PDB file of N, CA and C in Angstrom:
ATOM      1  N   UNK A   1      52.525  -2.928  -4.275  1.00  0.00           N
ATOM      2  CA  UNK A   1      51.899  -2.155  -3.063  1.00  0.00           C
ATOM      3  C   UNK A   1      50.477  -1.592  -3.293  1.00  0.00           C
ATOM      4  N   UNK A   2      50.384  -0.951  -4.456  1.00  0.00           N
ATOM      5  CA  UNK A   2      49.076  -0.416  -4.979  1.00  0.00           C
ATOM      6  C   UNK A   2      47.909  -1.426  -4.872  1.00  0.00           C
ATOM      7  N   UNK A   3      48.434  -2.667  -5.286  1.00  0.00           N
ATOM      8  CA  UNK A   3      47.471  -3.827  -5.469  1.00  0.00           C
ATOM      9  C   UNK A   3      47.080  -4.223  -4.078  1.00  0.00           C
ATOM     10  N   UNK A   4      47.878  -4.245  -3.042  1.00  0.00           N
ATOM     11  CA  UNK A   4      47.536  -4.631  -1.787  1.00  0.00           C
ATOM     12  C   UNK A   4      46.493  -3.624  -1.472  1.00  0.00           C
ATOM     13  N   UNK A   5      46.561  -2.298  -1.547  1.00  0.00           N
ATOM     14  CA  UNK A   5      45.572  -1.166  -0.902  1.00  0.00           C
ATOM     15  C   UNK A   5      44.073  -1.356  -1.866  1.00  0.00           C
ATOM     16  N   UNK A   6      44.216  -1.748  -3.248  1.00  0.00           N
ATOM     17  CA  UNK A   6      43.019  -2.006  -3.791  1.00  0.00           C
ATOM     18  C   UNK A   6      42.363  -3.117  -3.293  1.00  0.00           C
ATOM     19  N   UNK A   7      43.162  -4.394  -2.976  1.00  0.00           N
ATOM     20  CA  UNK A   7      42.349  -5.500  -2.280  1.00  0.00           C
ATOM     21  C   UNK A   7      41.764  -5.034  -1.009  1.00  0.00           C
ATOM     22  N   UNK A   8      42.470  -4.213  -0.115  1.00  0.00           N
ATOM     23  CA  UNK A   8      42.012  -4.031   1.355  1.00  0.00           C
ATOM     24  C   UNK A   8      40.836  -2.859   1.024  1.00  0.00           C
ATOM     25  N   UNK A   9      40.683  -2.076  -0.008  1.00  0.00           N
ATOM     26  CA  UNK A   9      39.629  -1.099  -0.296  1.00  0.00           C
ATOM     27  C   UNK A   9      38.391  -2.101  -0.645  1.00  0.00           C
ATOM     28  N   UNK A  10      38.545  -3.047  -1.593  1.00  0.00           N
ATOM     29  CA  UNK A  10      37.466  -3.824  -1.942  1.00  0.00           C
ATOM     30  C   UNK A  10      36.934  -4.672  -0.671  1.00  0.00           C
ATOM     31  N   UNK A  11      37.822  -5.303   0.088  1.00  0.00           N
ATOM     32  CA  UNK A  11      37.161  -6.042   1.180  1.00  0.00           C
ATOM     33  C   UNK A  11      36.539  -4.984   2.102  1.00  0.00           C
ATOM     34  N   UNK A  12      36.850  -3.825   2.429  1.00  0.00           N
ATOM     35  CA  UNK A  12      36.058  -2.850   3.272  1.00  0.00           C
ATOM     36  C   UNK A  12      34.615  -2.442   2.515  1.00  0.00           C
ATOM     37  N   UNK A  13      34.676  -2.592   1.158  1.00  0.00           N
ATOM     38  CA  UNK A  13      33.432  -2.237   0.289  1.00  0.00           C
ATOM     39  C   UNK A  13      32.433  -3.369   0.639  1.00  0.00           C
ATOM     40  N   UNK A  14      32.935  -4.656   0.582  1.00  0.00           N
ATOM     41  CA  UNK A  14      32.464  -5.884   0.688  1.00  0.00           C
ATOM     42  C   UNK A  14      31.566  -5.910   2.198  1.00  0.00           C
ATOM     43  N   UNK A  15      32.522  -5.687   3.202  1.00  0.00           N
ATOM     44  CA  UNK A  15      32.193  -5.603   4.546  1.00  0.00           C
ATOM     45  C   UNK A  15      31.021  -4.685   4.805  1.00  0.00           C
ATOM     46  N   UNK A  16      31.218  -3.271   4.073  1.00  0.00           N
ATOM     47  CA  UNK A  16      30.303  -2.335   4.413  1.00  0.00           C
ATOM     48  C   UNK A  16      29.037  -2.707   3.762  1.00  0.00           C
ATOM     49  N   UNK A  17      28.982  -3.400   2.587  1.00  0.00           N
ATOM     50  CA  UNK A  17      27.640  -3.817   1.939  1.00  0.00           C
ATOM     51  C   UNK A  17      26.906  -4.808   2.877  1.00  0.00           C
ATOM     52  N   UNK A  18      27.727  -5.752   3.284  1.00  0.00           N
ATOM     53  CA  UNK A  18      26.997  -6.870   4.202  1.00  0.00           C
ATOM     54  C   UNK A  18      26.366  -6.304   5.367  1.00  0.00           C
ATOM     55  N   UNK A  19      27.238  -5.270   6.075  1.00  0.00           N
ATOM     56  CA  UNK A  19      26.833  -4.656   7.310  1.00  0.00           C
ATOM     57  C   UNK A  19      25.426  -3.834   6.728  1.00  0.00           C
ATOM     58  N   UNK A  20      25.187  -3.303   5.709  1.00  0.00           N
ATOM     59  CA  UNK A  20      24.144  -2.535   5.381  1.00  0.00           C
ATOM     60  C   UNK A  20      22.967  -3.713   5.262  1.00  0.00           C
ATOM     61  N   UNK A  21      23.233  -4.777   4.518  1.00  0.00           N
ATOM     62  CA  UNK A  21      22.120  -5.485   4.571  1.00  0.00           C
ATOM     63  C   UNK A  21      21.796  -6.295   5.751  1.00  0.00           C
ATOM     64  N   UNK A  22      22.736  -6.538   6.474  1.00  0.00           N
ATOM     65  CA  UNK A  22      22.327  -7.135   7.907  1.00  0.00           C
ATOM     66  C   UNK A  22      21.525  -6.094   8.782  1.00  0.00           C
ATOM     67  N   UNK A  23      21.562  -4.809   8.395  1.00  0.00           N
ATOM     68  CA  UNK A  23      20.662  -4.032   9.381  1.00  0.00           C
ATOM     69  C   UNK A  23      19.399  -4.310   9.112  1.00  0.00           C
ATOM     70  N   UNK A  24      18.886  -4.940   7.897  1.00  0.00           N
ATOM     71  CA  UNK A  24      17.476  -4.988   7.923  1.00  0.00           C
ATOM     72  C   UNK A  24      17.013  -6.405   8.169  1.00  0.00           C
ATOM     73  N   UNK A  25      17.939  -7.288   9.050  1.00  0.00           N
ATOM     74  CA  UNK A  25      17.459  -8.553   9.514  1.00  0.00           C
ATOM     75  C   UNK A  25      18.463  -9.443   9.083  1.00  0.00           C
ATOM     76  N   UNK A  26      18.883 -10.545   9.960  1.00  0.00           N
ATOM     77  CA  UNK A  26      19.778 -11.475   9.693  1.00  0.00           C
ATOM     78  C   UNK A  26      19.282 -12.778  10.040  1.00  0.00           C
ATOM     79  N   UNK A  27      19.828 -13.767   9.651  1.00  0.00           N
ATOM     80  CA  UNK A  27      19.976 -15.175  10.192  1.00  0.00           C
ATOM     81  C   UNK A  27      21.197 -15.837  10.331  1.00  0.00           C
ATOM     82  N   UNK A  28      21.386 -16.540  11.548  1.00  0.00           N
ATOM     83  CA  UNK A  28      22.547 -17.035  11.756  1.00  0.00           C
ATOM     84  C   UNK A  28      22.520 -18.728  11.479  1.00  0.00           C
ATOM     85  N   UNK A  29      23.514 -19.270  10.701  1.00  0.00           N
ATOM     86  CA  UNK A  29      23.654 -20.468  10.189  1.00  0.00           C
ATOM     87  C   UNK A  29      24.995 -21.043  10.592  1.00  0.00           C
ATOM     88  N   UNK A  30      24.726 -22.297  10.784  1.00  0.00           N
ATOM     89  CA  UNK A  30      26.001 -23.141  11.264  1.00  0.00           C
ATOM     90  C   UNK A  30      26.603 -23.772   9.860  1.00  0.00           C
ATOM     91  N   UNK A  31      27.706 -23.309   9.342  1.00  0.00           N
ATOM     92  CA  UNK A  31      28.257 -23.996   8.107  1.00  0.00           C
ATOM     93  C   UNK A  31      28.600 -25.291   8.237  1.00  0.00           C
ATOM     94  N   UNK A  32      29.140 -26.142   7.244  1.00  0.00           N
ATOM     95  CA  UNK A  32      29.679 -27.339   7.293  1.00  0.00           C
ATOM     96  C   UNK A  32      30.891 -27.633   8.244  1.00  0.00           C
ATOM     97  N   UNK A  33      31.686 -26.662   8.148  1.00  0.00           N
ATOM     98  CA  UNK A  33      32.845 -26.740   9.107  1.00  0.00           C
ATOM     99  C   UNK A  33      32.538 -26.275  10.349  1.00  0.00           C
ATOM    100  N   UNK A  34      31.217 -26.173  10.743  1.00  0.00           N
ATOM    101  CA  UNK A  34      31.033 -25.885  12.292  1.00  0.00           C
ATOM    102  C   UNK A  34      31.103 -24.262  12.622  1.00  0.00           C
ATOM    103  N   UNK A  35      31.350 -23.435  11.636  1.00  0.00           N
ATOM    104  CA  UNK A  35      31.618 -22.018  11.937  1.00  0.00           C
ATOM    105  C   UNK A  35      30.192 -21.310  11.721  1.00  0.00           C
ATOM    106  N   UNK A  36      29.990 -20.659  12.667  1.00  0.00           N
ATOM    107  CA  UNK A  36      28.559 -19.812  12.855  1.00  0.00           C
ATOM    108  C   UNK A  36      28.560 -18.545  11.994  1.00  0.00           C
ATOM    109  N   UNK A  37      27.961 -18.471  11.068  1.00  0.00           N
ATOM    110  CA  UNK A  37      27.896 -17.303  10.176  1.00  0.00           C
ATOM    111  C   UNK A  37      26.651 -16.614  10.249  1.00  0.00           C
ATOM    112  N   UNK A  38      26.662 -15.364   9.936  1.00  0.00           N
ATOM    113  CA  UNK A  38      25.493 -14.482  10.035  1.00  0.00           C
ATOM    114  C   UNK A  38      25.267 -14.236   8.378  1.00  0.00           C
ATOM    115  N   UNK A  39      23.940 -14.190   8.039  1.00  0.00           N
ATOM    116  CA  UNK A  39      23.712 -14.067   6.687  1.00  0.00           C
ATOM    117  C   UNK A  39      22.416 -13.051   6.706  1.00  0.00           C
ATOM    118  N   UNK A  40      22.494 -12.204   5.895  1.00  0.00           N
ATOM    119  CA  UNK A  40      21.295 -11.182   5.737  1.00  0.00           C
ATOM    120  C   UNK A  40      19.979 -11.895   5.348  1.00  0.00           C
ATOM    121  N   UNK A  41      19.041 -11.473   6.142  1.00  0.00           N
ATOM    122  CA  UNK A  41      17.759 -12.092   5.898  1.00  0.00           C
ATOM    123  C   UNK A  41      17.100 -11.734   4.416  1.00  0.00           C
ATOM    124  N   UNK A  42      16.756 -12.613   3.722  1.00  0.00           N
ATOM    125  CA  UNK A  42      16.146 -12.425   2.277  1.00  0.00           C
ATOM    126  C   UNK A  42      14.790 -11.638   2.376  1.00  0.00           C
ATOM    127  N   UNK A  43      14.563 -10.433   1.851  1.00  0.00           N
ATOM    128  CA  UNK A  43      13.525  -9.679   1.784  1.00  0.00           C
ATOM    129  C   UNK A  43      12.510 -10.198   0.813  1.00  0.00           C
ATOM    130  N   UNK A  44      11.235 -10.662   1.394  1.00  0.00           N
ATOM    131  CA  UNK A  44      10.369 -10.996   0.086  1.00  0.00           C
ATOM    132  C   UNK A  44       9.370 -10.012   0.063  1.00  0.00           C
ATOM    133  N   UNK A  45       8.882  -9.840  -1.152  1.00  0.00           N
ATOM    134  CA  UNK A  45       7.921  -8.615  -1.531  1.00  0.00           C
ATOM    135  C   UNK A  45       6.392  -9.533  -1.516  1.00  0.00           C
ATOM    136  N   UNK A  46       5.799  -8.827  -0.580  1.00  0.00           N
ATOM    137  CA  UNK A  46       4.577  -9.392  -0.217  1.00  0.00           C
ATOM    138  C   UNK A  46       3.409  -8.218  -0.768  1.00  0.00           C
ATOM    139  N   UNK A  47       2.246  -9.025  -1.042  1.00  0.00           N
ATOM    140  CA  UNK A  47       1.348  -8.034  -1.690  1.00  0.00           C
ATOM    141  C   UNK A  47       0.635  -7.186  -0.351  1.00  0.00           C
ATOM    142  N   UNK A  48       0.441  -6.075  -0.535  1.00  0.00           N
ATOM    143  CA  UNK A  48       0.038  -5.197   0.525  1.00  0.00           C
ATOM    144  C   UNK A  48      -1.421  -5.349   0.715  1.00  0.00           C
ATOM    145  N   UNK A  49      -1.857  -6.549   1.340  1.00  0.00           N
ATOM    146  CA  UNK A  49      -3.384  -6.873   1.431  1.00  0.00           C
ATOM    147  C   UNK A  49      -3.984  -5.587   2.408  1.00  0.00           C
ATOM    148  N   UNK A  50      -3.394  -5.525   3.382  1.00  0.00           N
ATOM    149  CA  UNK A  50      -3.750  -4.669   4.476  1.00  0.00           C
ATOM    150  C   UNK A  50      -3.959  -3.116   3.928  1.00  0.00           C
ATOM    151  N   UNK A  51      -3.041  -2.534   3.308  1.00  0.00           N
ATOM    152  CA  UNK A  51      -3.063  -1.336   2.548  1.00  0.00           C
ATOM    153  C   UNK A  51      -4.228  -1.309   1.674  1.00  0.00           C
ATOM    154  N   UNK A  52      -4.478  -2.247   0.856  1.00  0.00           N
ATOM    155  CA  UNK A  52      -5.587  -2.326  -0.200  1.00  0.00           C
ATOM    156  C   UNK A  52      -6.698  -2.281   0.444  1.00  0.00           C
ATOM    157  N   UNK A  53      -6.907  -2.897   1.638  1.00  0.00           N
ATOM    158  CA  UNK A  53      -7.994  -3.041   2.270  1.00  0.00           C
ATOM    159  C   UNK A  53      -8.534  -1.681   2.954  1.00  0.00           C
ATOM    160  N   UNK A  54      -7.583  -0.975   3.490  1.00  0.00           N
ATOM    161  CA  UNK A  54      -7.606   0.258   4.132  1.00  0.00           C
ATOM    162  C   UNK A  54      -8.008   1.181   2.961  1.00  0.00           C
ATOM    163  N   UNK A  55      -7.330   1.206   1.943  1.00  0.00           N
ATOM    164  CA  UNK A  55      -7.636   2.211   0.832  1.00  0.00           C
ATOM    165  C   UNK A  55      -9.191   1.989   0.463  1.00  0.00           C
ATOM    166  N   UNK A  56      -9.686   0.605   0.277  1.00  0.00           N
ATOM    167  CA  UNK A  56     -11.013   0.349  -0.152  1.00  0.00           C
ATOM    168  C   UNK A  56     -12.199   1.047   0.833  1.00  0.00           C
ATOM    169  N   UNK A  57     -11.773   0.665   2.065  1.00  0.00           N
ATOM    170  CA  UNK A  57     -12.509   1.149   3.206  1.00  0.00           C
ATOM    171  C   UNK A  57     -12.552   2.640   3.436  1.00  0.00           C
ATOM    172  N   UNK A  58     -11.409   3.117   3.105  1.00  0.00           N
ATOM    173  CA  UNK A  58     -11.421   4.721   3.221  1.00  0.00           C
ATOM    174  C   UNK A  58     -12.224   5.358   2.023  1.00  0.00           C
ATOM    175  N   UNK A  59     -12.194   4.705   0.835  1.00  0.00           N
ATOM    176  CA  UNK A  59     -12.979   5.166  -0.429  1.00  0.00           C
ATOM    177  C   UNK A  59     -14.456   4.769  -0.145  1.00  0.00           C
ATOM    178  N   UNK A  60     -14.882   3.812   0.615  1.00  0.00           N
ATOM    179  CA  UNK A  60     -16.329   3.562   0.706  1.00  0.00           C
ATOM    180  C   UNK A  60     -16.865   4.714   1.881  1.00  0.00           C
ATOM    181  N   UNK A  61     -15.870   4.937   2.801  1.00  0.00           N
ATOM    182  CA  UNK A  61     -16.256   5.772   3.691  1.00  0.00           C
ATOM    183  C   UNK A  61     -16.469   7.238   3.148  1.00  0.00           C
ATOM    184  N   UNK A  62     -15.429   7.543   2.146  1.00  0.00           N
ATOM    185  CA  UNK A  62     -15.736   8.755   1.581  1.00  0.00           C
ATOM    186  C   UNK A  62     -17.223   8.994   0.647  1.00  0.00           C
ATOM    187  N   UNK A  63     -17.301   7.820  -0.377  1.00  0.00           N
ATOM    188  CA  UNK A  63     -18.445   7.874  -0.859  1.00  0.00           C
ATOM    189  C   UNK A  63     -19.749   7.914   0.119  1.00  0.00           C
ATOM    190  N   UNK A  64     -19.648   7.384   1.249  1.00  0.00           N
ATOM    191  CA  UNK A  64     -20.912   7.396   2.292  1.00  0.00           C
ATOM    192  C   UNK A  64     -21.009   8.727   2.717  1.00  0.00           C
ATOM    193  N   UNK A  65     -20.002   9.375   3.065  1.00  0.00           N
ATOM    194  CA  UNK A  65     -20.009  10.977   3.376  1.00  0.00           C
ATOM    195  C   UNK A  65     -20.483  11.722   2.517  1.00  0.00           C
ATOM    196  N   UNK A  66     -20.178  11.526   1.230  1.00  0.00           N
ATOM    197  CA  UNK A  66     -20.676  12.343   0.171  1.00  0.00           C
ATOM    198  C   UNK A  66     -22.207  12.016  -0.015  1.00  0.00           C
ATOM    199  N   UNK A  67     -22.728  10.892   0.096  1.00  0.00           N
ATOM    200  CA  UNK A  67     -24.120  10.567  -0.174  1.00  0.00           C
ATOM    201  C   UNK A  67     -24.946  11.031   1.108  1.00  0.00           C
ATOM    202  N   UNK A  68     -24.240  10.925   2.259  1.00  0.00           N
ATOM    203  CA  UNK A  68     -24.996  11.486   3.394  1.00  0.00           C
ATOM    204  C   UNK A  68     -25.074  12.836   3.358  1.00  0.00           C
ATOM    205  N   UNK A  69     -23.941  13.765   2.807  1.00  0.00           N
ATOM    206  CA  UNK A  69     -23.993  15.135   2.926  1.00  0.00           C
ATOM    207  C   UNK A  69     -25.161  15.698   1.504  1.00  0.00           C
ATOM    208  N   UNK A  70     -24.771  15.138   0.386  1.00  0.00           N
ATOM    209  CA  UNK A  70     -25.384  15.594  -0.571  1.00  0.00           C
ATOM    210  C   UNK A  70     -27.300  15.114  -0.681  1.00  0.00           C
ATOM    211  N   UNK A  71     -27.220  13.959  -0.169  1.00  0.00           N
ATOM    212  CA  UNK A  71     -28.670  13.262  -0.271  1.00  0.00           C
ATOM    213  C   UNK A  71     -28.276  12.180  -1.284  1.00  0.00           C
ATOM    214  N   UNK A  72     -29.345  11.344  -1.368  1.00  0.00           N
ATOM    215  CA  UNK A  72     -29.110  10.258  -2.386  1.00  0.00           C
ATOM    216  C   UNK A  72     -29.628  10.512  -3.787  1.00  0.00           C
ATOM    217  N   UNK A  73     -30.592  11.419  -3.800  1.00  0.00           N
ATOM    218  CA  UNK A  73     -31.084  11.865  -5.096  1.00  0.00           C
ATOM    219  C   UNK A  73     -30.080  12.961  -5.804  1.00  0.00           C
ATOM    220  N   UNK A  74     -29.385  13.612  -5.314  1.00  0.00           N
ATOM    221  CA  UNK A  74     -28.424  14.570  -5.949  1.00  0.00           C
ATOM    222  C   UNK A  74     -27.288  13.760  -6.252  1.00  0.00           C
ATOM    223  N   UNK A  75     -26.828  12.939  -5.292  1.00  0.00           N
ATOM    224  CA  UNK A  75     -25.712  11.960  -5.541  1.00  0.00           C
ATOM    225  C   UNK A  75     -26.143  11.059  -6.834  1.00  0.00           C
ATOM    226  N   UNK A  76     -27.110  10.496  -6.933  1.00  0.00           N
ATOM    227  CA  UNK A  76     -27.302   9.722  -8.195  1.00  0.00           C
ATOM    228  C   UNK A  76     -27.193  10.397  -9.139  1.00  0.00           C
ATOM    229  N   UNK A  77     -27.806  11.773  -9.456  1.00  0.00           N
ATOM    230  CA  UNK A  77     -27.903  12.597 -10.534  1.00  0.00           C
ATOM    231  C   UNK A  77     -26.458  12.919 -10.768  1.00  0.00           C
ATOM    232  N   UNK A  78     -25.784  13.268  -9.953  1.00  0.00           N
ATOM    233  CA  UNK A  78     -24.031  13.520 -10.276  1.00  0.00           C
ATOM    234  C   UNK A  78     -23.662  12.189 -10.817  1.00  0.00           C
ATOM    235  N   UNK A  79     -23.827  10.995 -10.343  1.00  0.00           N
ATOM    236  CA  UNK A  79     -23.263   9.773 -10.950  1.00  0.00           C
ATOM    237  C   UNK A  79     -23.705   9.570 -12.386  1.00  0.00           C
ATOM    238  N   UNK A  80     -25.058   9.870 -12.623  1.00  0.00           N
ATOM    239  CA  UNK A  80     -25.422   9.578 -13.965  1.00  0.00           C
ATOM    240  C   UNK A  80     -24.988  10.713 -14.821  1.00  0.00           C
ATOM    241  N   UNK A  81     -24.692  12.040 -14.395  1.00  0.00           N
ATOM    242  CA  UNK A  81     -23.962  13.045 -15.340  1.00  0.00           C
ATOM    243  C   UNK A  81     -22.471  12.510 -15.558  1.00  0.00           C
ATOM    244  N   UNK A  82     -21.798  11.817 -14.432  1.00  0.00           N
ATOM    245  CA  UNK A  82     -20.691  11.206 -15.031  1.00  0.00           C
ATOM    246  C   UNK A  82     -20.599  10.247 -16.062  1.00  0.00           C
ATOM    247  N   UNK A  83     -21.861   9.404 -15.778  1.00  0.00           N
ATOM    248  CA  UNK A  83     -22.120   8.281 -16.986  1.00  0.00           C
ATOM    249  C   UNK A  83     -21.997   8.667 -18.418  1.00  0.00           C
ATOM    250  N   UNK A  84     -22.538   9.997 -18.545  1.00  0.00           N
ATOM    251  CA  UNK A  84     -22.680  10.695 -19.869  1.00  0.00           C
ATOM    252  C   UNK A  84     -21.447  11.201 -20.374  1.00  0.00           C
ATOM    253  N   UNK A  85     -20.315  11.331 -19.699  1.00  0.00           N
ATOM    254  CA  UNK A  85     -19.215  11.940 -20.040  1.00  0.00           C
ATOM    255  C   UNK A  85     -18.217  10.849 -20.845  1.00  0.00           C
ATOM    256  N   UNK A  86     -16.991  11.486 -20.885  1.00  0.00           N
ATOM    257  CA  UNK A  86     -15.863  10.566 -21.584  1.00  0.00           C
ATOM    258  C   UNK A  86     -15.593   9.290 -20.939  1.00  0.00           C
ATOM    259  N   UNK A  87     -14.572   8.674 -21.390  1.00  0.00           N
ATOM    260  CA  UNK A  87     -14.095   7.454 -20.831  1.00  0.00           C
ATOM    261  C   UNK A  87     -13.663   7.605 -19.383  1.00  0.00           C
ATOM    262  N   UNK A  88     -13.076   8.592 -19.038  1.00  0.00           N
ATOM    263  CA  UNK A  88     -12.606   8.708 -17.585  1.00  0.00           C
ATOM    264  C   UNK A  88     -13.785   9.065 -16.755  1.00  0.00           C
ATOM    265  N   UNK A  89     -14.812   9.882 -17.166  1.00  0.00           N
ATOM    266  CA  UNK A  89     -15.892  10.053 -16.492  1.00  0.00           C
ATOM    267  C   UNK A  89     -16.672   8.769 -16.135  1.00  0.00           C
ATOM    268  N   UNK A  90     -16.791   8.035 -17.348  1.00  0.00           N
ATOM    269  CA  UNK A  90     -17.597   6.784 -16.979  1.00  0.00           C
ATOM    270  C   UNK A  90     -16.867   5.727 -16.019  1.00  0.00           C
ATOM    271  N   UNK A  91     -15.730   5.808 -15.967  1.00  0.00           N
ATOM    272  CA  UNK A  91     -14.933   5.111 -15.166  1.00  0.00           C
ATOM    273  C   UNK A  91     -15.056   5.391 -13.716  1.00  0.00           C
ATOM    274  N   UNK A  92     -15.216   6.810 -13.527  1.00  0.00           N
ATOM    275  CA  UNK A  92     -15.285   7.515 -12.331  1.00  0.00           C
ATOM    276  C   UNK A  92     -16.972   7.014 -11.788  1.00  0.00           C
ATOM    277  N   UNK A  93     -17.722   7.008 -12.817  1.00  0.00           N
ATOM    278  CA  UNK A  93     -19.131   6.703 -12.365  1.00  0.00           C
ATOM    279  C   UNK A  93     -19.142   5.235 -11.927  1.00  0.00           C
ATOM    280  N   UNK A  94     -18.526   4.436 -12.472  1.00  0.00           N
ATOM    281  CA  UNK A  94     -18.397   2.874 -11.965  1.00  0.00           C
ATOM    282  C   UNK A  94     -18.119   2.896 -10.619  1.00  0.00           C
ATOM    283  N   UNK A  95     -16.857   3.471 -10.361  1.00  0.00           N
ATOM    284  CA  UNK A  95     -16.320   3.508  -9.062  1.00  0.00           C
ATOM    285  C   UNK A  95     -17.138   4.468  -7.988  1.00  0.00           C
ATOM    286  N   UNK A  96     -17.754   5.399  -8.388  1.00  0.00           N
ATOM    287  CA  UNK A  96     -18.688   6.026  -7.398  1.00  0.00           C
ATOM    288  C   UNK A  96     -20.119   5.515  -7.352  1.00  0.00           C
ATOM    289  N   UNK A  97     -20.347   4.608  -8.019  1.00  0.00           N
ATOM    290  CA  UNK A  97     -21.837   4.051  -7.938  1.00  0.00           C
ATOM    291  C   UNK A  97     -22.120   3.511  -6.502  1.00  0.00           C
ATOM    292  N   UNK A  98     -23.413   3.877  -5.933  1.00  0.00           N
ATOM    293  CA  UNK A  98     -23.515   3.315  -4.714  1.00  0.00           C
ATOM    294  C   UNK A  98     -23.522   1.888  -4.471  1.00  0.00           C
ATOM    295  N   UNK A  99     -23.009   1.356  -3.512  1.00  0.00           N
ATOM    296  CA  UNK A  99     -23.226  -0.043  -3.173  1.00  0.00           C
ATOM    297  C   UNK A  99     -23.747  -0.236  -1.709  1.00  0.00           C
ATOM    298  N   UNK A 100     -24.085  -1.290  -1.620  1.00  0.00           N
ATOM    299  CA  UNK A 100     -25.081  -1.432  -0.143  1.00  0.00           C
ATOM    300  C   UNK A 100     -24.182  -1.088   1.032  1.00  0.00           C
ATOM    301  N   UNK A 101     -22.778  -1.431   1.222  1.00  0.00           N
ATOM    302  CA  UNK A 101     -22.165  -1.111   2.231  1.00  0.00           C
ATOM    303  C   UNK A 101     -22.168   0.652   2.277  1.00  0.00           C
ATOM    304  N   UNK A 102     -21.824   1.136   1.441  1.00  0.00           N
ATOM    305  CA  UNK A 102     -21.693   2.711   1.504  1.00  0.00           C
ATOM    306  C   UNK A 102     -23.002   3.371   1.682  1.00  0.00           C
ATOM    307  N   UNK A 103     -24.059   2.867   1.164  1.00  0.00           N
ATOM    308  CA  UNK A 103     -25.512   3.237   1.527  1.00  0.00           C
ATOM    309  C   UNK A 103     -25.607   3.274   2.993  1.00  0.00           C
ATOM    310  N   UNK A 104     -25.448   2.106   3.526  1.00  0.00           N
ATOM    311  CA  UNK A 104     -25.685   1.892   4.821  1.00  0.00           C
ATOM    312  C   UNK A 104     -25.001   2.626   5.665  1.00  0.00           C
ATOM    313  N   UNK A 105     -23.714   2.893   5.326  1.00  0.00           N
ATOM    314  CA  UNK A 105     -22.989   3.830   6.061  1.00  0.00           C
ATOM    315  C   UNK A 105     -23.449   5.351   5.920  1.00  0.00           C
ATOM    316  N   UNK A 106     -23.967   5.625   4.893  1.00  0.00           N
ATOM    317  CA  UNK A 106     -24.513   7.001   4.634  1.00  0.00           C
ATOM    318  C   UNK A 106     -25.785   7.282   5.299  1.00  0.00           C
ATOM    319  N   UNK A 107     -26.505   6.270   5.373  1.00  0.00           N
ATOM    320  CA  UNK A 107     -27.850   6.187   6.247  1.00  0.00           C
ATOM    321  C   UNK A 107     -27.412   6.409   7.749  1.00  0.00           C
ATOM    322  N   UNK A 108     -26.399   5.817   8.370  1.00  0.00           N
ATOM    323  CA  UNK A 108     -25.804   5.981   9.444  1.00  0.00           C
ATOM    324  C   UNK A 108     -25.249   7.282   9.906  1.00  0.00           C
ATOM    325  N   UNK A 109     -24.500   7.995   8.682  1.00  0.00           N
ATOM    326  CA  UNK A 109     -24.029   9.142   9.081  1.00  0.00           C
ATOM    327  C   UNK A 109     -25.004  10.368   8.687  1.00  0.00           C
ATOM    328  N   UNK A 110     -26.123  10.074   8.195  1.00  0.00           N
ATOM    329  CA  UNK A 110     -26.855  11.253   7.893  1.00  0.00           C
ATOM    330  C   UNK A 110     -27.377  12.031   9.111  1.00  0.00           C
ATOM    331  N   UNK A 111     -27.676  11.414  10.151  1.00  0.00           N
ATOM    332  CA  UNK A 111     -28.113  12.295  11.372  1.00  0.00           C
ATOM    333  C   UNK A 111     -26.977  13.379  12.100  1.00  0.00           C
ATOM    334  N   UNK A 112     -25.737  12.658  11.727  1.00  0.00           N
ATOM    335  CA  UNK A 112     -24.533  13.573  12.474  1.00  0.00           C
ATOM    336  C   UNK A 112     -24.270  14.710  11.632  1.00  0.00           C
ATOM    337  N   UNK A 113     -24.750  14.930  10.241  1.00  0.00           N
ATOM    338  CA  UNK A 113     -24.375  15.914   9.405  1.00  0.00           C
ATOM    339  C   UNK A 113     -25.284  17.171   9.297  1.00  0.00           C
ATOM    340  N   UNK A 114     -26.574  16.783   9.963  1.00  0.00           N
ATOM    341  CA  UNK A 114     -27.351  17.784   9.779  1.00  0.00           C
ATOM    342  C   UNK A 114     -27.433  18.962  10.954  1.00  0.00           C
TER     343      UNK A 114
END
C-alpha cells in the first residue's frame, strides 16, 4: 500500500515539474500515434546584444557628460593621471580615453551645462 502512495507522489511531482516548465512556453506536437502532446519550449541562451549596446551607449554618454562638464583640457589631464597609475588605473585610462563619438556628444552637450 505504501508503494502505491509513493508512485502517486512521484507522479504528482513529475506533473508539477512539467507544469512549471510549461509556464515558460510550450509547443504542441502530434505524436506517431496521433495523440497531441504539449511539450515545454526549449529555452535558448542568447547573447544579450541589445543590453551590451545600451551599456556601451550609456558609457559613452557618461564620458561625454564628463567631458562637457569638466572641459576637454581638464578631462585629458585626469586621463593622463590615470595612465601614470597602477594596472587598474591604466585600464580605466584606456576605457576613459576620448573617442570621436563621445567628443561629438560633449560638444553638443556643452551649451546646456553652462
